[in-house]
Amino acid sequence: MTYLRPPTSFLPPLSVLCTHSTTSLQDALQDLKDVYFPTIPLPTTRTPSIAAIPALKQSISDAVHVPYQKRMGRLKHSDGVLDSGYASEEEDEEEPGRGPESEAEDMDVDVLRSDEFERDFSIKWLTGLMKRSDAWIHALDSAEEQEEHSRVSVIDEACELLARFAGGNEQQEDDALTRRFTFPLCTEGQAVTVELNDAPLTSSDHTSVGLQSWASAIIFAERICADPARHLSIPTGAVPLRVLELGAGTGLLSIATARILDYMGIDANIVATDYHSAVLQNLMRNVQTNNVSVQVESLDWSRPPLLEPYDVILAADVVYHPEHAKLIKNCVEKALKKDGVFWMIIAMRSTGRHEGLWETVDEVFPDGERGLLRNEECGKECGGEMKLVVVQKEDVGRREGIGRADEVGYRLFKIRWLSCHYCC
């Protein structure tokens, strides 16, 4: 398996472009080619003008230079149009600098190339370089004429690379990545294997992030396999266990759960839900590929229907907008049995438009240990009202080779109904 560094970890910040040497930019471009175009050498002929690439000319002319500023707050996100986030056609107009700096681990090359965040970051960085190219070329002393020619060649190379990104979009949409996951089962010597099709994010539906398997789902699936009794509330009677997954995406959690329960001989009704048509089609394909008993249904969080209560509800990486946590709570209130459990894992992102969104979960679901009290008198004081509260939180660190460059870790929430009253 080949591993390469993500572009967010090696492309130098453009805010101090004039301080970068010719060699450093040559190395950056070579690293970028190694990631996306390893077998296709770039032409050595010089591009006469940027006007030769009309589609890119407009993008470059529209680029806005925003000086890089150190991030001070933890919560930074857009309150605009409600969407799933990652493939949004309107990204923050921040100067392409570094993400989590050089701390990012090497990633599997196939996973890296399918990461739209890294690809878009690379294109924005190249666009910014082209816009600032004159200042960088002429930042030399007049005596360094040969070095100036070298810098012109670097900009030509960057232009050709940008053109290859533009020309490769059609092929990118046709590509898909088959991923095979193997998780150790709690029983010694046994394992759960899941094969998934990770389709590229569609350009026509910029909220269809569920076409890919995200690191939070991988980490949570591994934990469920290691301790099914804890996470799945295994029933003792003959009644089938009812499991619902919200924002199922590629279906990793539902498919892994089906395999676990089948191995343990436990009867279950498992329903995997999502909203976008392309995601639902890919989800159905993955269910059929793995030959498991999982029902696929469409579910709109903003208008959830009356649902037959479930014993277990699962969700991974489902918060991409400040309103998502509220919508999810509304769904869970309608779908979770009073003695059921809701597990949700959220990626903690340190940069970009999704920075700090995990904190919105704390704002919506009260803390069972701090914001609420549980005691025998509760029913008398609040009429026995039941509330969904967080009964346990656990932070999980990044795992080498998986996850986006902006993910610093993951937070796992265990949420239940509790009889409670608020304290002054």
Protein backbone atom coordinates (compact mmCIF):
# COMPACT_ATOMS: atom_id res chain seq x y z
CA MET A 1 0.00 0.00 0.00
CA THR A 2 1.40 3.40 -0.98
CA TYR A 3 1.24 6.36 1.41
CA LEU A 4 1.73 10.03 0.55
CA ARG A 5 1.41 13.26 2.46
CA PRO A 6 -1.78 15.31 1.90
CA PRO A 7 -1.27 18.63 0.07
CA THR A 8 -2.51 20.58 3.12
CA SER A 9 0.63 19.41 4.92
CA PHE A 10 3.26 20.39 2.33
CA LEU A 11 2.03 23.26 0.14
CA PRO A 12 3.71 26.42 1.51
CA PRO A 13 1.56 29.39 2.60
CA LEU A 14 1.09 31.99 -0.10
CA SER A 15 0.84 34.93 2.29
CA VAL A 16 4.66 34.93 2.44
CA LEU A 17 5.22 33.74 -1.11
CA CYS A 18 8.11 36.10 -1.77
CA THR A 19 10.11 34.43 1.00
CA HIS A 20 9.92 31.00 -0.65
CA SER A 21 12.84 29.86 -2.75
CA THR A 22 12.57 28.52 -6.27
CA THR A 23 13.60 25.11 -5.03
CA SER A 24 10.90 24.99 -2.35
CA LEU A 25 8.16 25.66 -4.91
CA GLN A 26 9.65 23.16 -7.35
CA ASP A 27 9.56 20.55 -4.59
CA ALA A 28 5.97 21.43 -3.73
CA LEU A 29 4.84 21.06 -7.35
CA GLN A 30 6.67 17.75 -7.66
CA ASP A 31 4.98 16.46 -4.49
CA LEU A 32 1.64 17.57 -5.89
CA LYS A 33 2.30 15.68 -9.14
CA ASP A 34 3.31 12.60 -7.17
CA VAL A 35 -0.11 12.63 -5.53
CA TYR A 36 -2.38 13.29 -8.49
CA PHE A 37 -0.45 12.66 -11.72
CA PRO A 38 2.37 10.21 -10.91
CA THR A 39 2.52 8.48 -14.29
CA ILE A 40 1.90 11.46 -16.56
CA PRO A 41 4.88 13.81 -16.98
CA LEU A 42 3.95 17.43 -17.55
CA PRO A 43 4.79 18.92 -20.97
CA THR A 44 8.00 20.96 -21.04
CA THR A 45 6.62 23.45 -23.55
CA ARG A 46 5.77 26.82 -22.16
CA THR A 47 2.15 27.95 -22.07
CA PRO A 48 1.97 31.23 -24.03
CA SER A 49 -0.68 32.81 -21.85
CA ILE A 50 -3.14 32.04 -19.12
CA ALA A 51 -5.81 33.06 -21.62
CA ALA A 52 -5.20 29.69 -23.27
CA ILE A 53 -7.20 28.18 -20.44
CA PRO A 54 -10.43 30.22 -20.37
CA ALA A 55 -12.08 28.23 -17.58
CA LEU A 56 -9.15 28.89 -15.30
CA LYS A 57 -8.63 32.48 -16.37
CA GLN A 58 -11.93 33.51 -14.81
CA SER A 59 -11.18 31.63 -11.59
CA ILE A 60 -7.80 33.32 -11.26
CA SER A 61 -9.14 36.78 -12.01
CA ASP A 62 -11.86 36.28 -9.39
CA ALA A 63 -9.42 35.12 -6.73
CA VAL A 64 -9.29 37.36 -3.69
CA HIS A 65 -6.17 37.69 -1.60
CA VAL A 66 -7.02 37.55 2.10
CA PRO A 67 -4.05 37.80 4.45
CA TYR A 68 -3.62 34.73 6.61
CA GLN A 69 -4.76 35.30 10.18
CA LYS A 70 -4.17 33.12 13.16
CA ARG A 71 -7.38 31.46 14.29
CA MET A 72 -8.35 32.56 17.77
CA GLY A 73 -11.78 31.04 18.37
CA ARG A 74 -12.69 27.40 18.49
CA LEU A 75 -16.08 27.72 16.84
CA LYS A 76 -16.05 29.05 13.30
CA HIS A 77 -18.71 28.08 10.82
CA SER A 78 -21.19 29.45 8.37
CA ASP A 79 -24.80 30.02 9.39
CA GLY A 80 -25.86 30.20 5.75
CA VAL A 81 -27.65 27.70 3.55
CA LEU A 82 -28.26 24.41 5.32
CA ASP A 83 -26.29 21.66 3.61
CA SER A 84 -24.06 18.71 4.30
CA GLY A 85 -20.99 20.80 3.88
CA TYR A 86 -17.91 19.31 2.35
CA ALA A 87 -18.64 19.71 -1.32
CA SER A 88 -20.24 23.09 -0.93
CA GLU A 89 -19.82 25.23 -4.00
CA GLU A 90 -19.07 28.25 -1.79
CA GLU A 91 -15.95 27.66 0.30
CA ASP A 92 -14.47 30.12 2.73
CA GLU A 93 -12.47 32.74 0.89
CA GLU A 94 -9.38 32.06 2.92
CA GLU A 95 -5.91 32.16 1.50
CA PRO A 96 -4.77 28.60 0.84
CA GLY A 97 -2.23 28.08 3.54
CA ARG A 98 -1.46 25.03 5.58
CA GLY A 99 -4.07 22.95 7.34
CA PRO A 100 -2.86 21.08 10.40
CA GLU A 101 0.73 21.87 9.33
CA SER A 102 3.28 19.11 9.06
CA GLU A 103 1.69 17.01 11.79
CA ALA A 104 -0.52 15.29 9.23
CA GLU A 105 0.28 11.62 8.79
CA ASP A 106 0.85 10.01 5.43
CA MET A 107 -2.36 8.73 3.85
CA ASP A 108 -3.16 5.83 1.58
CA VAL A 109 -2.75 7.19 -1.94
CA ASP A 110 -6.15 5.96 -3.18
CA VAL A 111 -7.96 7.50 -0.22
CA LEU A 112 -5.98 10.72 -0.61
CA ARG A 113 -6.78 11.08 -4.31
CA SER A 114 -10.50 10.62 -3.63
CA ASP A 115 -10.50 13.31 -0.94
CA GLU A 116 -12.27 16.30 -2.48
CA PHE A 117 -11.09 18.61 0.30
CA GLU A 118 -7.42 17.97 -0.52
CA ARG A 119 -8.05 18.24 -4.26
CA ASP A 120 -9.95 21.52 -3.95
CA PHE A 121 -7.25 22.86 -1.62
CA SER A 122 -4.59 22.04 -4.24
CA ILE A 123 -6.51 23.80 -7.01
CA LYS A 124 -7.05 26.90 -4.86
CA TRP A 125 -3.38 26.96 -3.94
CA LEU A 126 -2.32 26.77 -7.59
CA THR A 127 -4.82 29.49 -8.48
CA GLY A 128 -3.44 31.71 -5.74
CA LEU A 129 0.11 31.05 -6.91
CA MET A 130 -0.76 32.13 -10.44
CA LYS A 131 -2.34 35.34 -9.15
CA ARG A 132 0.76 36.21 -7.12
CA SER A 133 3.31 34.96 -9.65
CA ASP A 134 4.53 38.37 -10.87
CA ALA A 135 5.45 39.51 -7.37
CA TRP A 136 7.32 36.26 -6.71
CA ILE A 137 9.22 36.30 -10.02
CA HIS A 138 10.35 39.90 -9.63
CA ALA A 139 11.24 39.66 -5.95
CA LEU A 140 14.85 38.93 -6.98
CA ASP A 141 17.75 41.29 -7.45
CA SER A 142 18.33 42.38 -11.04
CA ALA A 143 21.60 40.42 -11.09
CA GLU A 144 19.77 37.12 -10.66
CA GLU A 145 18.54 36.87 -14.24
CA GLN A 146 19.04 33.10 -14.47
CA GLU A 147 17.07 32.58 -11.29
CA GLU A 148 14.26 34.69 -12.71
CA HIS A 149 14.09 32.41 -15.75
CA SER A 150 13.86 29.44 -13.40
CA ARG A 151 10.96 31.04 -11.58
CA VAL A 152 9.15 31.68 -14.86
CA SER A 153 9.54 27.97 -15.59
CA VAL A 154 8.06 27.12 -12.18
CA ILE A 155 5.00 29.27 -12.89
CA ASP A 156 4.64 27.64 -16.31
CA GLU A 157 4.74 24.25 -14.64
CA ALA A 158 2.12 25.34 -12.11
CA CYS A 159 -0.09 26.56 -14.97
CA GLU A 160 0.19 23.22 -16.74
CA LEU A 161 -0.62 21.40 -13.51
CA LEU A 162 -3.68 23.58 -12.94
CA ALA A 163 -4.80 22.80 -16.49
CA ARG A 164 -4.48 19.07 -15.79
CA PHE A 165 -6.71 19.44 -12.75
CA ALA A 166 -9.30 21.22 -14.89
CA GLY A 167 -9.07 18.63 -17.63
CA GLY A 168 -9.33 15.73 -15.22
CA ASN A 169 -12.66 16.62 -13.61
CA GLU A 170 -14.71 14.53 -16.01
CA GLN A 171 -12.59 11.47 -15.40
CA GLN A 172 -12.66 12.11 -11.66
CA GLU A 173 -16.45 11.84 -11.61
CA ASP A 174 -16.30 8.50 -13.41
CA ASP A 175 -13.82 7.00 -10.93
CA ALA A 176 -14.82 5.11 -7.81
CA LEU A 177 -12.83 3.50 -5.06
CA THR A 178 -13.60 0.05 -3.65
CA ARG A 179 -12.52 -0.16 -0.03
CA ARG A 180 -12.30 -3.31 2.06
CA PHE A 181 -12.43 -3.04 5.84
CA THR A 182 -11.62 -5.82 8.29
CA PHE A 183 -12.40 -5.33 11.98
CA PRO A 184 -11.49 -7.79 14.75
CA LEU A 185 -14.61 -9.21 16.41
CA CYS A 186 -14.91 -9.61 20.17
CA THR A 187 -14.61 -13.38 19.75
CA GLU A 188 -10.96 -14.33 19.45
CA GLY A 189 -9.88 -15.20 15.93
CA GLN A 190 -13.00 -13.82 14.27
CA ALA A 191 -13.32 -10.70 12.13
CA VAL A 192 -15.96 -8.65 10.35
CA THR A 193 -15.24 -7.75 6.72
CA VAL A 194 -17.09 -5.04 4.81
CA GLU A 195 -16.55 -4.05 1.19
CA LEU A 196 -17.74 -0.60 0.16
CA ASN A 197 -17.92 1.47 -2.99
CA ASP A 198 -16.74 5.01 -2.30
CA ALA A 199 -18.06 7.11 -5.16
CA PRO A 200 -16.68 10.57 -5.98
CA LEU A 201 -18.72 13.49 -4.68
CA THR A 202 -21.09 14.65 -7.40
CA SER A 203 -20.73 18.10 -8.90
CA SER A 204 -24.50 18.40 -9.35
CA ASP A 205 -25.32 17.67 -5.71
CA HIS A 206 -22.84 19.50 -3.51
CA THR A 207 -24.29 18.08 -0.27
CA SER A 208 -23.85 14.40 -1.14
CA VAL A 209 -20.93 13.79 1.21
CA GLY A 210 -22.40 10.37 2.06
CA LEU A 211 -20.87 8.95 -1.12
CA GLN A 212 -17.63 8.39 0.80
CA SER A 213 -16.68 6.56 4.00
CA TRP A 214 -15.37 9.00 6.58
CA ALA A 215 -12.87 8.21 9.33
CA SER A 216 -15.38 8.62 12.17
CA ALA A 217 -17.50 5.77 10.78
CA ILE A 218 -14.43 3.56 10.40
CA ILE A 219 -13.33 4.17 13.98
CA PHE A 220 -16.82 3.62 15.39
CA ALA A 221 -17.36 0.43 13.36
CA GLU A 222 -14.15 -0.95 14.81
CA ARG A 223 -15.35 -0.19 18.33
CA ILE A 224 -18.75 -1.81 17.78
CA CYS A 225 -17.06 -4.96 16.53
CA ALA A 226 -14.74 -5.03 19.54
CA ASP A 227 -17.62 -4.68 22.06
CA PRO A 228 -21.05 -5.39 20.54
CA ALA A 229 -22.75 -5.90 23.92
CA ARG A 230 -21.90 -2.37 24.99
CA HIS A 231 -22.88 -0.56 21.81
CA LEU A 232 -25.82 -2.61 20.53
CA SER A 233 -27.81 -3.36 23.71
CA ILE A 234 -28.07 -7.04 22.83
CA PRO A 235 -31.59 -8.26 23.80
CA THR A 236 -32.13 -11.25 26.08
CA GLY A 237 -35.52 -12.25 24.71
CA ALA A 238 -36.78 -13.36 21.32
CA VAL A 239 -37.86 -9.89 20.14
CA PRO A 240 -35.78 -8.71 17.16
CA LEU A 241 -33.33 -5.89 17.91
CA ARG A 242 -34.30 -2.74 16.04
CA VAL A 243 -31.40 -0.63 14.77
CA LEU A 244 -31.59 2.69 12.86
CA GLU A 245 -28.68 4.53 11.25
CA LEU A 246 -29.01 8.25 10.50
CA GLY A 247 -26.97 9.69 7.65
CA ALA A 248 -25.77 6.19 6.76
CA GLY A 249 -23.73 7.30 3.75
CA THR A 250 -21.94 4.25 2.39
CA GLY A 251 -23.58 2.10 5.07
CA LEU A 252 -20.47 1.03 6.96
CA LEU A 253 -22.07 1.06 10.42
CA SER A 254 -25.28 -0.69 9.33
CA ILE A 255 -23.48 -3.35 7.30
CA ALA A 256 -20.93 -4.05 10.04
CA THR A 257 -23.75 -4.26 12.61
CA ALA A 258 -25.66 -6.71 10.41
CA ARG A 259 -22.59 -8.91 10.12
CA ILE A 260 -21.99 -8.84 13.89
CA LEU A 261 -25.57 -9.73 14.81
CA ASP A 262 -25.74 -12.43 12.15
CA TYR A 263 -22.56 -14.00 13.52
CA MET A 264 -23.98 -13.88 17.06
CA GLY A 265 -27.25 -15.43 15.90
CA ILE A 266 -29.35 -12.43 16.97
CA ASP A 267 -32.47 -11.55 15.01
CA ALA A 268 -32.53 -7.88 14.02
CA ASN A 269 -34.29 -5.29 11.89
CA ILE A 270 -31.69 -2.82 10.62
CA VAL A 271 -32.65 0.31 8.69
CA ALA A 272 -30.01 2.53 7.04
CA THR A 273 -31.25 6.01 6.10
CA ASP A 274 -29.98 8.96 4.12
CA TYR A 275 -31.52 11.69 2.02
CA HIS A 276 -29.71 12.32 -1.27
CA SER A 277 -30.65 10.12 -4.21
CA ALA A 278 -27.05 9.44 -5.30
CA VAL A 279 -26.12 8.44 -1.75
CA LEU A 280 -29.14 6.12 -1.44
CA GLN A 281 -28.27 4.41 -4.73
CA ASN A 282 -24.69 3.83 -3.64
CA LEU A 283 -25.88 2.69 -0.20
CA MET A 284 -28.18 0.10 -1.77
CA ARG A 285 -25.34 -1.09 -3.95
CA ASN A 286 -23.12 -1.61 -0.90
CA VAL A 287 -25.84 -3.51 0.95
CA GLN A 288 -26.27 -5.83 -2.02
CA THR A 289 -22.50 -6.28 -2.44
CA ASN A 290 -22.18 -7.41 1.18
CA ASN A 291 -25.32 -9.57 1.02
CA VAL A 292 -26.67 -8.43 4.38
CA SER A 293 -30.18 -7.89 5.68
CA VAL A 294 -30.34 -4.10 5.82
CA GLN A 295 -33.28 -2.02 4.69
CA VAL A 296 -32.47 1.25 2.89
CA GLU A 297 -34.84 4.18 3.31
CA SER A 298 -34.92 7.91 2.62
CA LEU A 299 -35.18 10.17 5.66
CA ASP A 300 -35.36 13.96 5.71
CA TRP A 301 -34.18 15.22 9.11
CA SER A 302 -36.14 18.44 8.74
CA ARG A 303 -39.43 16.53 8.25
CA PRO A 304 -39.12 13.17 10.01
CA PRO A 305 -42.21 10.96 9.84
CA LEU A 306 -43.64 9.03 12.76
CA LEU A 307 -41.24 6.13 13.26
CA GLU A 308 -41.66 2.84 15.05
CA PRO A 309 -39.28 3.12 18.02
CA TYR A 310 -35.79 1.64 17.78
CA ASP A 311 -33.59 0.05 20.43
CA VAL A 312 -30.39 1.50 19.00
CA ILE A 313 -29.74 4.54 16.79
CA LEU A 314 -26.31 5.07 15.22
CA ALA A 315 -24.85 8.15 13.51
CA ALA A 316 -21.33 9.00 12.31
CA ASP A 317 -20.08 12.38 11.08
CA VAL A 318 -23.54 13.84 10.56
CA VAL A 319 -23.06 17.44 11.76
CA TYR A 320 -21.98 19.81 8.96
CA HIS A 321 -24.13 22.82 9.83
CA PRO A 322 -25.07 24.55 13.11
CA GLU A 323 -28.68 23.39 12.70
CA HIS A 324 -27.90 19.71 12.11
CA ALA A 325 -27.63 18.77 15.79
CA LYS A 326 -31.11 20.20 16.41
CA LEU A 327 -32.58 18.32 13.46
CA ILE A 328 -30.95 15.08 14.58
CA LYS A 329 -32.31 15.51 18.10
CA ASN A 330 -35.80 15.97 16.65
CA CYS A 331 -35.43 12.71 14.71
CA VAL A 332 -34.12 10.78 17.69
CA GLU A 333 -36.93 12.04 19.92
CA LYS A 334 -39.38 10.48 17.48
CA ALA A 335 -37.48 7.24 16.92
CA LEU A 336 -35.71 6.11 20.10
CA LYS A 337 -37.34 3.78 22.63
CA LYS A 338 -37.45 5.11 26.16
CA ASP A 339 -34.93 2.47 27.20
CA GLY A 340 -32.93 2.75 23.96
CA VAL A 341 -29.52 4.24 23.27
CA PHE A 342 -28.29 6.72 20.66
CA TRP A 343 -24.61 6.62 19.69
CA MET A 344 -23.16 9.49 17.69
CA ILE A 345 -19.53 10.10 16.73
CA ILE A 346 -18.44 13.50 15.37
CA ALA A 347 -15.16 14.55 13.80
CA MET A 348 -13.48 17.45 15.60
CA ARG A 349 -12.20 19.75 12.86
CA SER A 350 -9.65 22.43 13.60
CA THR A 351 -9.91 24.59 10.46
CA GLY A 352 -12.31 25.66 7.73
CA ARG A 353 -16.04 26.16 7.63
CA HIS A 354 -16.71 23.14 9.90
CA GLU A 355 -14.37 24.19 12.66
CA GLY A 356 -15.85 23.62 16.11
CA LEU A 357 -19.17 22.18 14.93
CA TRP A 358 -18.90 19.29 17.38
CA GLU A 359 -19.67 21.86 20.10
CA THR A 360 -23.20 22.30 18.73
CA VAL A 361 -23.98 18.79 19.99
CA ASP A 362 -23.25 19.92 23.56
CA GLU A 363 -25.51 22.92 23.02
CA VAL A 364 -28.45 20.73 21.95
CA PHE A 365 -28.07 17.66 24.17
CA PRO A 366 -27.69 18.51 27.89
CA ASP A 367 -24.94 16.87 29.88
CA GLY A 368 -26.44 14.15 32.09
CA GLU A 369 -23.76 14.63 34.73
CA ARG A 370 -23.73 18.44 34.93
CA GLY A 371 -26.83 20.12 33.48
CA LEU A 372 -29.37 17.65 34.86
CA LEU A 373 -29.90 15.77 38.09
CA ARG A 374 -31.29 12.28 38.31
CA ASN A 375 -32.92 11.21 41.56
CA GLU A 376 -36.04 9.71 43.02
CA GLU A 377 -37.70 13.12 43.47
CA CYS A 378 -37.38 14.05 39.79
CA GLY A 379 -40.76 12.66 38.80
CA LYS A 380 -42.50 14.71 41.46
CA GLU A 381 -40.87 17.97 40.38
CA CYS A 382 -41.16 17.77 36.60
CA GLY A 383 -44.04 15.38 36.13
CA GLY A 384 -41.81 12.54 34.97
CA GLU A 385 -40.66 14.40 31.85
CA MET A 386 -38.09 12.46 29.85
CA LYS A 387 -35.23 14.23 28.10
CA LEU A 388 -32.46 13.10 25.79
CA VAL A 389 -29.16 13.76 27.54
CA VAL A 390 -25.51 12.88 27.03
CA VAL A 391 -24.64 10.22 29.58
CA GLN A 392 -21.10 9.65 28.33
CA LYS A 393 -18.54 11.41 26.13
CA GLU A 394 -15.24 10.05 24.91
CA ASP A 395 -12.59 11.75 22.79
CA VAL A 396 -10.72 9.52 20.34
CA GLY A 397 -7.45 10.52 18.72
CA ARG A 398 -6.59 10.47 15.03
CA ARG A 399 -5.58 7.23 13.39
CA GLU A 400 -2.66 6.98 11.02
CA GLY A 401 -3.65 6.64 7.37
CA ILE A 402 -7.33 7.57 7.74
CA GLY A 403 -9.19 10.82 8.13
CA ARG A 404 -9.06 14.24 6.57
CA ALA A 405 -6.21 16.62 7.23
CA ASP A 406 -8.49 19.01 9.17
CA GLU A 407 -9.60 16.34 11.65
CA VAL A 408 -7.79 16.52 14.98
CA GLY A 409 -9.83 13.79 16.65
CA TYR A 410 -13.31 12.40 17.19
CA ARG A 411 -15.89 12.69 19.96
CA LEU A 412 -18.19 9.77 20.73
CA PHE A 413 -21.50 10.60 22.44
CA LYS A 414 -23.73 8.12 24.27
CA ILE A 415 -27.22 9.58 24.60
CA ARG A 416 -30.24 8.19 26.47
CA TRP A 417 -33.65 9.20 27.79
CA LEU A 418 -33.59 10.23 31.44
CA SER A 419 -36.21 11.44 33.87
CA CYS A 420 -34.77 14.69 35.04
CA HIS A 421 -35.15 18.26 36.25
CA TYR A 422 -33.08 21.33 35.58
CA CYS A 423 -31.14 22.89 38.44
CA CYS A 424 -30.88 26.59 39.12
